[in-house]
Amino acid sequence: MRKFEKISLEQFKKDTGLTEKEYELYSIPKRSTKYSAGYDFMALTDFTINPNEIKLIPTGIKADMNEDEVLMIYIRSSLGFKFNLRMCNQVGIIDKDYYNNKDNEGHIFVKIQNEGDKPKEFKQGENIVQGIFTKFLTVDNEDTIENERSGGFGSTNK
């Protein structure tokens, strides 16, 4: 079972500073074509990323998935080719236990850098990144892990 959900309205307001009206306007990620691997995440509002600027962008989305899966987030190919935009961490890794964690419900953010020489404007509803669910393997001789996620970004090592 894997699914996308909107974060709660309360978390949305806290993380974005946006209103209930804007909360109602956006939708969960969808595939654009029958054979698309990636689910497109859309811009919540209009924004611009200027040359050499880095922008942290909330998606308003959280993802639940099977225990042997990960959601990988990539910049849309056209944004890299046409505008020289990239995600700061190249690929975002969203683990199963990021969903509904105690710090932020599992709200997925992306951090994008404009390495081009022109500003890139995004309109509300425009696709910005894509997410692909992937199965992963673990080693056979791994010790039992008792640790559980206790927060948001970078919390698995705490």
N, C-alpha and C. Protein backbone atom coordinates (compact mmCIF):
# COMPACT_ATOMS: atom_id res chain seq x y z
N MET A 1 0.83 -1.17 0.00
CA MET A 1 0.00 0.00 0.00
C MET A 1 0.88 1.24 0.00
N ARG A 2 0.71 2.06 -0.98
CA ARG A 2 1.43 3.34 -1.02
C ARG A 2 0.42 4.40 -1.42
N LYS A 3 0.64 5.60 -0.85
CA LYS A 3 -0.31 6.67 -1.17
C LYS A 3 0.30 8.02 -0.82
N PHE A 4 -0.21 9.04 -1.48
CA PHE A 4 0.08 10.42 -1.14
C PHE A 4 -1.12 11.00 -0.41
N GLU A 5 -0.85 11.92 0.50
CA GLU A 5 -1.92 12.64 1.20
C GLU A 5 -1.49 14.09 1.36
N LYS A 6 -2.46 14.96 1.48
CA LYS A 6 -2.16 16.32 1.91
C LYS A 6 -1.81 16.28 3.39
N ILE A 7 -0.90 17.16 3.79
CA ILE A 7 -0.68 17.33 5.22
C ILE A 7 -1.92 17.99 5.80
N SER A 8 -2.06 18.02 7.12
CA SER A 8 -3.24 18.65 7.73
C SER A 8 -3.23 20.15 7.46
N LEU A 9 -4.40 20.75 7.52
CA LEU A 9 -4.52 22.19 7.33
C LEU A 9 -3.66 22.93 8.37
N GLU A 10 -3.67 22.46 9.60
CA GLU A 10 -2.87 23.09 10.66
C GLU A 10 -1.39 23.07 10.31
N GLN A 11 -0.87 21.91 9.88
CA GLN A 11 0.54 21.80 9.50
C GLN A 11 0.83 22.65 8.28
N PHE A 12 -0.11 22.67 7.33
CA PHE A 12 0.04 23.47 6.11
C PHE A 12 0.21 24.95 6.45
N LYS A 13 -0.65 25.47 7.30
CA LYS A 13 -0.56 26.88 7.69
C LYS A 13 0.76 27.17 8.41
N LYS A 14 1.16 26.26 9.30
CA LYS A 14 2.40 26.42 10.06
C LYS A 14 3.62 26.43 9.14
N ASP A 15 3.67 25.49 8.19
CA ASP A 15 4.85 25.32 7.35
C ASP A 15 4.93 26.30 6.18
N THR A 16 3.79 26.79 5.72
CA THR A 16 3.79 27.60 4.50
C THR A 16 3.37 29.05 4.72
N GLY A 17 2.61 29.31 5.79
CA GLY A 17 2.05 30.64 5.98
C GLY A 17 0.90 30.94 5.04
N LEU A 18 0.42 29.92 4.34
CA LEU A 18 -0.67 30.10 3.38
C LEU A 18 -2.03 29.87 4.06
N THR A 19 -3.09 30.08 3.32
CA THR A 19 -4.44 30.06 3.88
C THR A 19 -5.19 28.78 3.52
N GLU A 20 -6.37 28.63 4.11
CA GLU A 20 -7.23 27.49 3.82
C GLU A 20 -7.63 27.46 2.35
N LYS A 21 -7.84 28.63 1.76
CA LYS A 21 -8.20 28.70 0.34
C LYS A 21 -7.09 28.06 -0.51
N GLU A 22 -5.83 28.40 -0.21
CA GLU A 22 -4.71 27.84 -0.95
C GLU A 22 -4.56 26.33 -0.68
N TYR A 23 -4.92 25.92 0.54
CA TYR A 23 -4.90 24.50 0.90
C TYR A 23 -5.87 23.72 0.02
N GLU A 24 -7.03 24.30 -0.22
CA GLU A 24 -8.04 23.62 -1.03
C GLU A 24 -7.67 23.54 -2.51
N LEU A 25 -6.79 24.44 -2.98
CA LEU A 25 -6.48 24.52 -4.41
C LEU A 25 -5.52 23.45 -4.92
N TYR A 26 -4.62 22.98 -4.10
CA TYR A 26 -3.62 22.05 -4.63
C TYR A 26 -4.09 20.60 -4.49
N SER A 27 -3.45 19.75 -5.28
CA SER A 27 -3.85 18.34 -5.28
C SER A 27 -2.63 17.45 -5.06
N ILE A 28 -2.90 16.19 -4.79
CA ILE A 28 -1.82 15.23 -4.55
C ILE A 28 -1.10 14.93 -5.88
N PRO A 29 0.15 14.48 -5.81
CA PRO A 29 0.90 14.18 -7.04
C PRO A 29 0.21 13.12 -7.90
N LYS A 30 0.35 13.31 -9.20
CA LYS A 30 -0.24 12.41 -10.18
C LYS A 30 0.78 12.13 -11.28
N ARG A 31 0.62 10.99 -11.94
CA ARG A 31 1.42 10.69 -13.13
C ARG A 31 0.76 11.38 -14.31
N SER A 32 1.57 11.90 -15.22
CA SER A 32 1.04 12.67 -16.35
C SER A 32 0.64 11.79 -17.53
N THR A 33 1.29 10.65 -17.69
CA THR A 33 0.96 9.76 -18.80
C THR A 33 0.90 8.32 -18.30
N LYS A 34 0.33 7.47 -19.11
CA LYS A 34 0.13 6.07 -18.77
C LYS A 34 1.42 5.37 -18.36
N TYR A 35 2.54 5.70 -19.00
CA TYR A 35 3.80 5.01 -18.72
C TYR A 35 4.79 5.85 -17.92
N SER A 36 4.34 6.93 -17.35
CA SER A 36 5.22 7.75 -16.50
C SER A 36 5.58 6.98 -15.24
N ALA A 37 6.85 7.02 -14.87
CA ALA A 37 7.30 6.42 -13.61
C ALA A 37 7.09 7.38 -12.46
N GLY A 38 7.24 8.67 -12.74
CA GLY A 38 7.21 9.68 -11.69
C GLY A 38 5.85 10.31 -11.48
N TYR A 39 5.60 10.62 -10.21
CA TYR A 39 4.41 11.37 -9.81
C TYR A 39 4.80 12.83 -9.67
N ASP A 40 4.11 13.72 -10.39
CA ASP A 40 4.47 15.12 -10.41
C ASP A 40 3.95 15.86 -9.19
N PHE A 41 4.86 16.58 -8.52
CA PHE A 41 4.53 17.46 -7.40
C PHE A 41 4.40 18.87 -7.96
N MET A 42 3.36 19.59 -7.56
CA MET A 42 3.08 20.91 -8.10
C MET A 42 3.42 22.03 -7.13
N ALA A 43 3.69 23.20 -7.68
CA ALA A 43 3.94 24.41 -6.88
C ALA A 43 2.66 24.82 -6.18
N LEU A 44 2.76 25.13 -4.89
CA LEU A 44 1.60 25.57 -4.11
C LEU A 44 1.21 27.00 -4.45
N THR A 45 2.18 27.81 -4.81
CA THR A 45 1.95 29.23 -5.14
C THR A 45 2.92 29.63 -6.25
N ASP A 46 2.73 30.83 -6.76
CA ASP A 46 3.70 31.39 -7.70
C ASP A 46 4.99 31.71 -6.94
N PHE A 47 6.13 31.46 -7.55
CA PHE A 47 7.41 31.87 -6.96
C PHE A 47 8.46 31.91 -8.06
N THR A 48 9.57 32.56 -7.75
CA THR A 48 10.69 32.69 -8.68
C THR A 48 11.97 32.25 -7.98
N ILE A 49 12.83 31.55 -8.72
CA ILE A 49 14.17 31.23 -8.24
C ILE A 49 15.14 31.98 -9.15
N ASN A 50 15.85 32.92 -8.57
CA ASN A 50 16.80 33.73 -9.33
C ASN A 50 18.12 33.00 -9.50
N PRO A 51 18.96 33.43 -10.47
CA PRO A 51 20.27 32.81 -10.65
C PRO A 51 21.05 32.80 -9.34
N ASN A 52 21.70 31.69 -9.06
CA ASN A 52 22.51 31.46 -7.86
C ASN A 52 21.69 31.43 -6.57
N GLU A 53 20.38 31.43 -6.67
CA GLU A 53 19.53 31.37 -5.47
C GLU A 53 19.16 29.92 -5.16
N ILE A 54 19.02 29.64 -3.87
CA ILE A 54 18.55 28.36 -3.38
C ILE A 54 17.24 28.62 -2.67
N LYS A 55 16.22 27.81 -2.98
CA LYS A 55 14.90 28.01 -2.38
C LYS A 55 14.39 26.71 -1.79
N LEU A 56 13.94 26.78 -0.52
CA LEU A 56 13.28 25.65 0.14
C LEU A 56 11.80 25.73 -0.18
N ILE A 57 11.26 24.68 -0.76
CA ILE A 57 9.89 24.71 -1.27
C ILE A 57 9.05 23.63 -0.58
N PRO A 58 8.00 24.04 0.12
CA PRO A 58 7.09 23.05 0.71
C PRO A 58 6.19 22.47 -0.37
N THR A 59 5.86 21.19 -0.24
CA THR A 59 4.97 20.56 -1.23
C THR A 59 3.55 20.40 -0.70
N GLY A 60 3.38 20.42 0.63
CA GLY A 60 2.05 20.18 1.21
C GLY A 60 1.67 18.71 1.19
N ILE A 61 2.62 17.85 0.86
CA ILE A 61 2.36 16.43 0.65
C ILE A 61 3.15 15.57 1.63
N LYS A 62 2.55 14.45 2.04
CA LYS A 62 3.25 13.40 2.77
C LYS A 62 2.97 12.09 2.03
N ALA A 63 3.83 11.10 2.25
CA ALA A 63 3.70 9.84 1.52
C ALA A 63 3.82 8.65 2.47
N ASP A 64 2.92 7.71 2.30
CA ASP A 64 2.98 6.45 3.03
C ASP A 64 3.32 5.37 2.02
N MET A 65 4.05 4.37 2.47
CA MET A 65 4.48 3.32 1.55
C MET A 65 4.73 2.03 2.32
N ASN A 66 4.98 0.96 1.60
CA ASN A 66 5.29 -0.32 2.20
C ASN A 66 6.65 -0.26 2.90
N GLU A 67 6.88 -1.18 3.83
CA GLU A 67 8.10 -1.18 4.63
C GLU A 67 9.37 -1.40 3.81
N ASP A 68 9.27 -2.01 2.64
CA ASP A 68 10.45 -2.27 1.81
C ASP A 68 10.53 -1.32 0.62
N GLU A 69 9.98 -0.12 0.78
CA GLU A 69 9.97 0.87 -0.29
C GLU A 69 10.52 2.21 0.20
N VAL A 70 10.94 3.00 -0.75
CA VAL A 70 11.40 4.37 -0.51
C VAL A 70 10.82 5.24 -1.62
N LEU A 71 10.54 6.49 -1.30
CA LEU A 71 10.12 7.45 -2.32
C LEU A 71 11.34 8.30 -2.64
N MET A 72 11.73 8.32 -3.91
CA MET A 72 12.85 9.14 -4.34
C MET A 72 12.31 10.34 -5.12
N ILE A 73 12.80 11.53 -4.75
CA ILE A 73 12.34 12.77 -5.37
C ILE A 73 13.44 13.32 -6.26
N TYR A 74 13.08 13.66 -7.49
CA TYR A 74 14.01 14.19 -8.48
C TYR A 74 13.47 15.49 -9.06
N ILE A 75 14.37 16.36 -9.49
CA ILE A 75 13.95 17.53 -10.25
C ILE A 75 13.38 17.02 -11.58
N ARG A 76 12.40 17.72 -12.13
CA ARG A 76 11.90 17.33 -13.45
C ARG A 76 13.02 17.51 -14.47
N SER A 77 13.17 16.55 -15.35
CA SER A 77 14.28 16.56 -16.33
C SER A 77 14.34 17.86 -17.11
N SER A 78 13.20 18.35 -17.55
CA SER A 78 13.18 19.57 -18.37
C SER A 78 13.73 20.77 -17.62
N LEU A 79 13.55 20.82 -16.31
CA LEU A 79 14.05 21.96 -15.53
C LEU A 79 15.57 21.95 -15.44
N GLY A 80 16.15 20.76 -15.41
CA GLY A 80 17.61 20.67 -15.43
C GLY A 80 18.16 21.01 -16.80
N PHE A 81 17.57 20.44 -17.84
CA PHE A 81 18.07 20.67 -19.19
C PHE A 81 17.86 22.11 -19.67
N LYS A 82 16.68 22.64 -19.47
CA LYS A 82 16.34 23.96 -20.03
C LYS A 82 16.78 25.13 -19.16
N PHE A 83 16.78 24.95 -17.84
CA PHE A 83 16.99 26.10 -16.95
C PHE A 83 18.16 25.91 -15.98
N ASN A 84 18.81 24.76 -16.02
CA ASN A 84 19.95 24.46 -15.14
C ASN A 84 19.55 24.54 -13.65
N LEU A 85 18.37 24.02 -13.35
CA LEU A 85 17.94 23.91 -11.96
C LEU A 85 18.30 22.52 -11.46
N ARG A 86 18.61 22.45 -10.16
CA ARG A 86 18.89 21.14 -9.56
C ARG A 86 18.42 21.14 -8.12
N MET A 87 18.17 19.96 -7.61
CA MET A 87 17.89 19.82 -6.19
C MET A 87 19.23 19.82 -5.46
N CYS A 88 19.29 20.49 -4.34
CA CYS A 88 20.55 20.61 -3.61
C CYS A 88 21.11 19.27 -3.16
N ASN A 89 20.25 18.31 -2.84
CA ASN A 89 20.73 16.99 -2.44
C ASN A 89 20.66 15.99 -3.60
N GLN A 90 20.45 16.48 -4.80
CA GLN A 90 20.39 15.69 -6.03
C GLN A 90 19.19 14.76 -6.08
N VAL A 91 19.03 13.91 -5.08
CA VAL A 91 17.87 13.01 -4.98
C VAL A 91 17.38 13.05 -3.54
N GLY A 92 16.11 13.33 -3.37
CA GLY A 92 15.53 13.30 -2.03
C GLY A 92 15.11 11.87 -1.70
N ILE A 93 15.45 11.42 -0.51
CA ILE A 93 15.08 10.07 -0.06
C ILE A 93 14.05 10.22 1.05
N ILE A 94 12.86 9.71 0.81
CA ILE A 94 11.77 9.76 1.79
C ILE A 94 11.53 8.34 2.28
N ASP A 95 11.86 8.09 3.54
CA ASP A 95 11.71 6.77 4.14
C ASP A 95 10.29 6.55 4.65
N LYS A 96 9.91 5.31 4.80
CA LYS A 96 8.60 4.92 5.32
C LYS A 96 8.30 5.61 6.65
N ASP A 97 9.29 5.67 7.54
CA ASP A 97 9.03 6.22 8.87
C ASP A 97 9.06 7.75 8.94
N TYR A 98 9.22 8.41 7.80
CA TYR A 98 9.08 9.87 7.76
C TYR A 98 7.59 10.25 7.79
N TYR A 99 6.75 9.35 7.32
CA TYR A 99 5.30 9.56 7.28
C TYR A 99 4.74 9.68 8.70
N ASN A 100 3.98 10.74 8.94
CA ASN A 100 3.33 11.00 10.23
C ASN A 100 4.30 10.97 11.41
N ASN A 101 5.51 11.50 11.20
CA ASN A 101 6.43 11.59 12.34
C ASN A 101 5.99 12.74 13.25
N LYS A 102 6.48 12.74 14.46
CA LYS A 102 5.94 13.66 15.47
C LYS A 102 6.27 15.13 15.22
N ASP A 103 7.31 15.43 14.43
CA ASP A 103 7.70 16.82 14.23
C ASP A 103 6.94 17.55 13.13
N ASN A 104 6.58 16.85 12.07
CA ASN A 104 5.97 17.58 10.94
C ASN A 104 5.05 16.74 10.07
N GLU A 105 4.51 15.69 10.56
CA GLU A 105 3.58 14.81 9.83
C GLU A 105 4.22 14.13 8.61
N GLY A 106 5.49 14.39 8.35
CA GLY A 106 6.13 13.83 7.16
C GLY A 106 6.03 14.75 5.96
N HIS A 107 5.83 16.05 6.20
CA HIS A 107 5.73 17.03 5.12
C HIS A 107 7.00 17.01 4.28
N ILE A 108 6.85 16.77 2.99
CA ILE A 108 7.97 16.70 2.06
C ILE A 108 8.30 18.11 1.55
N PHE A 109 9.55 18.52 1.74
CA PHE A 109 10.07 19.77 1.20
C PHE A 109 11.12 19.43 0.15
N VAL A 110 11.33 20.33 -0.79
CA VAL A 110 12.43 20.19 -1.73
C VAL A 110 13.23 21.48 -1.72
N LYS A 111 14.53 21.36 -1.93
CA LYS A 111 15.41 22.53 -1.95
C LYS A 111 16.05 22.58 -3.33
N ILE A 112 15.73 23.66 -4.06
CA ILE A 112 16.16 23.77 -5.46
C ILE A 112 17.09 24.96 -5.62
N GLN A 113 18.14 24.75 -6.42
CA GLN A 113 19.10 25.80 -6.73
C GLN A 113 19.05 26.12 -8.21
N ASN A 114 19.10 27.41 -8.52
CA ASN A 114 19.17 27.86 -9.90
C ASN A 114 20.63 28.12 -10.24
N GLU A 115 21.22 27.24 -11.03
CA GLU A 115 22.60 27.40 -11.47
C GLU A 115 22.67 28.02 -12.86
N GLY A 116 21.53 28.45 -13.36
CA GLY A 116 21.48 29.10 -14.67
C GLY A 116 21.74 30.59 -14.57
N ASP A 117 21.54 31.29 -15.69
CA ASP A 117 21.79 32.73 -15.72
C ASP A 117 20.51 33.54 -15.88
N LYS A 118 19.35 32.87 -15.77
CA LYS A 118 18.06 33.56 -15.88
C LYS A 118 17.15 33.14 -14.74
N PRO A 119 16.30 34.05 -14.26
CA PRO A 119 15.32 33.65 -13.24
C PRO A 119 14.36 32.62 -13.83
N LYS A 120 13.90 31.72 -12.99
CA LYS A 120 12.87 30.75 -13.41
C LYS A 120 11.63 31.00 -12.57
N GLU A 121 10.56 31.37 -13.24
CA GLU A 121 9.29 31.62 -12.58
C GLU A 121 8.44 30.36 -12.62
N PHE A 122 7.78 30.08 -11.50
CA PHE A 122 6.84 28.97 -11.40
C PHE A 122 5.47 29.54 -11.08
N LYS A 123 4.47 28.98 -11.69
CA LYS A 123 3.09 29.36 -11.41
C LYS A 123 2.45 28.30 -10.53
N GLN A 124 1.49 28.71 -9.74
CA GLN A 124 0.74 27.78 -8.88
C GLN A 124 0.21 26.65 -9.76
N GLY A 125 0.43 25.41 -9.33
CA GLY A 125 -0.03 24.24 -10.08
C GLY A 125 0.96 23.69 -11.08
N GLU A 126 2.06 24.41 -11.32
CA GLU A 126 3.08 23.94 -12.26
C GLU A 126 3.91 22.82 -11.63
N ASN A 127 4.24 21.81 -12.41
CA ASN A 127 5.04 20.69 -11.92
C ASN A 127 6.47 21.14 -11.65
N ILE A 128 7.00 20.73 -10.48
CA ILE A 128 8.36 21.14 -10.13
C ILE A 128 9.31 19.97 -9.91
N VAL A 129 8.86 18.93 -9.24
CA VAL A 129 9.67 17.74 -9.02
C VAL A 129 8.80 16.51 -9.26
N GLN A 130 9.46 15.36 -9.31
CA GLN A 130 8.71 14.11 -9.47
C GLN A 130 9.20 13.09 -8.46
N GLY A 131 8.27 12.27 -7.99
CA GLY A 131 8.59 11.24 -7.02
C GLY A 131 8.37 9.86 -7.61
N ILE A 132 9.32 8.96 -7.32
CA ILE A 132 9.24 7.58 -7.82
C ILE A 132 9.39 6.63 -6.63
N PHE A 133 8.42 5.76 -6.45
CA PHE A 133 8.50 4.73 -5.41
C PHE A 133 9.38 3.60 -5.92
N THR A 134 10.27 3.12 -5.04
CA THR A 134 11.20 2.06 -5.42
C THR A 134 11.36 1.08 -4.26
N LYS A 135 11.40 -0.20 -4.58
CA LYS A 135 11.69 -1.21 -3.56
C LYS A 135 13.19 -1.18 -3.26
N PHE A 136 13.55 -1.53 -2.03
CA PHE A 136 14.96 -1.62 -1.67
C PHE A 136 15.21 -2.92 -0.94
N LEU A 137 16.46 -3.32 -0.90
CA LEU A 137 16.88 -4.57 -0.24
C LEU A 137 17.72 -4.24 0.98
N THR A 138 17.75 -5.15 1.93
CA THR A 138 18.62 -5.03 3.09
C THR A 138 19.52 -6.26 3.14
N VAL A 139 20.60 -6.17 3.88
CA VAL A 139 21.53 -7.30 3.97
C VAL A 139 20.94 -8.39 4.87
N ASP A 140 21.30 -9.62 4.60
CA ASP A 140 20.77 -10.76 5.35
C ASP A 140 21.29 -10.83 6.79
N ASN A 141 22.50 -10.34 7.02
CA ASN A 141 23.11 -10.48 8.34
C ASN A 141 23.01 -9.19 9.18
N GLU A 142 22.01 -8.39 8.92
CA GLU A 142 21.82 -7.15 9.67
C GLU A 142 21.25 -7.44 11.05
N ASP A 143 21.79 -6.75 12.05
CA ASP A 143 21.24 -6.88 13.40
C ASP A 143 19.85 -6.27 13.44
N THR A 144 19.04 -6.72 14.37
CA THR A 144 17.71 -6.15 14.55
C THR A 144 17.85 -4.68 14.95
N ILE A 145 17.09 -3.83 14.28
CA ILE A 145 17.14 -2.39 14.56
C ILE A 145 15.93 -2.02 15.40
N GLU A 146 16.18 -1.43 16.55
CA GLU A 146 15.11 -1.02 17.46
C GLU A 146 14.77 0.47 17.33
N ASN A 147 15.71 1.26 16.77
CA ASN A 147 15.51 2.70 16.67
C ASN A 147 14.32 3.03 15.79
N GLU A 148 13.60 4.09 16.16
CA GLU A 148 12.52 4.61 15.34
C GLU A 148 12.74 6.09 15.13
N ARG A 149 12.26 6.62 14.01
CA ARG A 149 12.41 8.03 13.71
C ARG A 149 11.72 8.85 14.79
N SER A 150 12.38 9.93 15.19
CA SER A 150 11.81 10.78 16.23
C SER A 150 11.70 12.22 15.78
N GLY A 151 11.73 12.47 14.48
CA GLY A 151 11.62 13.85 14.01
C GLY A 151 11.70 13.95 12.51
N GLY A 152 12.07 15.14 12.05
CA GLY A 152 12.08 15.46 10.64
C GLY A 152 13.42 15.27 9.98
N PHE A 153 13.88 16.29 9.24
CA PHE A 153 15.11 16.20 8.46
C PHE A 153 16.29 15.81 9.32
N GLY A 154 17.05 14.82 8.89
CA GLY A 154 18.28 14.45 9.56
C GLY A 154 18.12 13.84 10.93
N SER A 155 16.94 13.32 11.23
CA SER A 155 16.69 12.83 12.60
C SER A 155 17.02 11.36 12.79
N THR A 156 17.34 10.62 11.72
CA THR A 156 17.58 9.19 11.89
C THR A 156 18.86 8.90 12.63
N ASN A 157 19.74 9.86 12.76
CA ASN A 157 21.01 9.65 13.44
C ASN A 157 20.97 10.12 14.90
N LYS A 158 19.82 10.56 15.36
CA LYS A 158 19.72 11.10 16.73
C LYS A 158 19.23 10.04 17.70
